[in-house]
């Protein structure tokens, strides 16, 4: 089982930041 608190905490913030950076890179091209 996934530790949902951990996923919604630091893990999710990390994933979101990476996706946001990738999205910004595509938009600026």
N, C-alpha and C. Protein backbone atom coordinates (compact mmCIF):
# COMPACT_ATOMS: atom_id res chain seq x y z
N UNK A 1 0.83 -1.22 0.00
CA UNK A 1 0.00 0.00 0.00
C UNK A 1 0.86 1.26 0.00
N UNK A 2 0.38 2.25 -0.72
CA UNK A 2 1.06 3.54 -0.71
C UNK A 2 0.76 4.29 0.58
N UNK A 3 1.77 4.98 1.09
CA UNK A 3 1.56 5.88 2.22
C UNK A 3 1.00 7.19 1.67
N UNK A 4 -0.30 7.33 1.75
CA UNK A 4 -0.98 8.44 1.07
C UNK A 4 -0.56 9.80 1.59
N UNK A 5 -0.29 9.89 2.88
CA UNK A 5 0.18 11.15 3.46
C UNK A 5 1.51 11.57 2.87
N UNK A 6 2.38 10.61 2.67
CA UNK A 6 3.70 10.90 2.10
C UNK A 6 3.57 11.31 0.64
N UNK A 7 2.71 10.62 -0.10
CA UNK A 7 2.48 10.94 -1.51
C UNK A 7 1.93 12.35 -1.67
N UNK A 8 0.97 12.71 -0.84
CA UNK A 8 0.36 14.03 -0.92
C UNK A 8 1.27 15.12 -0.36
N UNK A 9 2.30 14.73 0.37
CA UNK A 9 3.21 15.70 0.95
C UNK A 9 4.36 16.03 0.02
N UNK A 10 5.57 15.63 0.41
CA UNK A 10 6.77 15.99 -0.33
C UNK A 10 6.82 15.37 -1.71
N UNK A 11 6.39 14.12 -1.83
CA UNK A 11 6.44 13.44 -3.12
C UNK A 11 5.64 14.15 -4.19
N UNK A 12 4.40 14.52 -3.85
CA UNK A 12 3.54 15.18 -4.83
C UNK A 12 4.06 16.55 -5.20
N UNK A 13 4.59 17.30 -4.23
CA UNK A 13 5.15 18.62 -4.50
C UNK A 13 6.34 18.52 -5.45
N UNK A 14 7.16 17.49 -5.28
CA UNK A 14 8.31 17.27 -6.16
C UNK A 14 7.86 17.00 -7.59
N UNK A 15 6.89 16.08 -7.74
CA UNK A 15 6.36 15.74 -9.06
C UNK A 15 5.74 16.97 -9.72
N UNK A 16 4.97 17.72 -8.95
CA UNK A 16 4.32 18.92 -9.47
C UNK A 16 5.34 19.94 -9.96
N UNK A 17 6.41 20.11 -9.20
CA UNK A 17 7.46 21.06 -9.58
C UNK A 17 8.13 20.66 -10.89
N UNK A 18 8.42 19.36 -11.03
CA UNK A 18 9.05 18.85 -12.26
C UNK A 18 8.12 19.05 -13.46
N UNK A 19 6.83 18.73 -13.29
CA UNK A 19 5.86 18.92 -14.37
C UNK A 19 5.73 20.39 -14.74
N UNK A 20 5.71 21.25 -13.74
CA UNK A 20 5.58 22.68 -13.97
C UNK A 20 6.76 23.21 -14.77
N UNK A 21 7.96 22.76 -14.42
CA UNK A 21 9.17 23.18 -15.11
C UNK A 21 9.17 22.70 -16.56
N UNK A 22 8.73 21.46 -16.78
CA UNK A 22 8.65 20.91 -18.13
C UNK A 22 7.63 21.67 -18.97
N UNK A 23 6.50 22.00 -18.35
CA UNK A 23 5.46 22.75 -19.04
C UNK A 23 5.94 24.13 -19.43
N UNK A 24 6.63 24.80 -18.53
CA UNK A 24 7.17 26.13 -18.82
C UNK A 24 8.18 26.09 -19.96
N UNK A 25 8.96 25.02 -20.00
CA UNK A 25 9.97 24.85 -21.06
C UNK A 25 9.29 24.72 -22.42
N UNK A 26 8.20 23.95 -22.48
CA UNK A 26 7.47 23.77 -23.73
C UNK A 26 6.79 25.06 -24.18
N UNK A 27 6.24 25.80 -23.24
CA UNK A 27 5.52 27.03 -23.57
C UNK A 27 6.47 28.11 -24.09
N UNK A 28 7.69 28.14 -23.58
CA UNK A 28 8.63 29.19 -23.97
C UNK A 28 9.30 28.90 -25.32
N UNK A 29 9.16 27.68 -25.83
CA UNK A 29 9.77 27.35 -27.12
C UNK A 29 8.98 27.94 -28.27
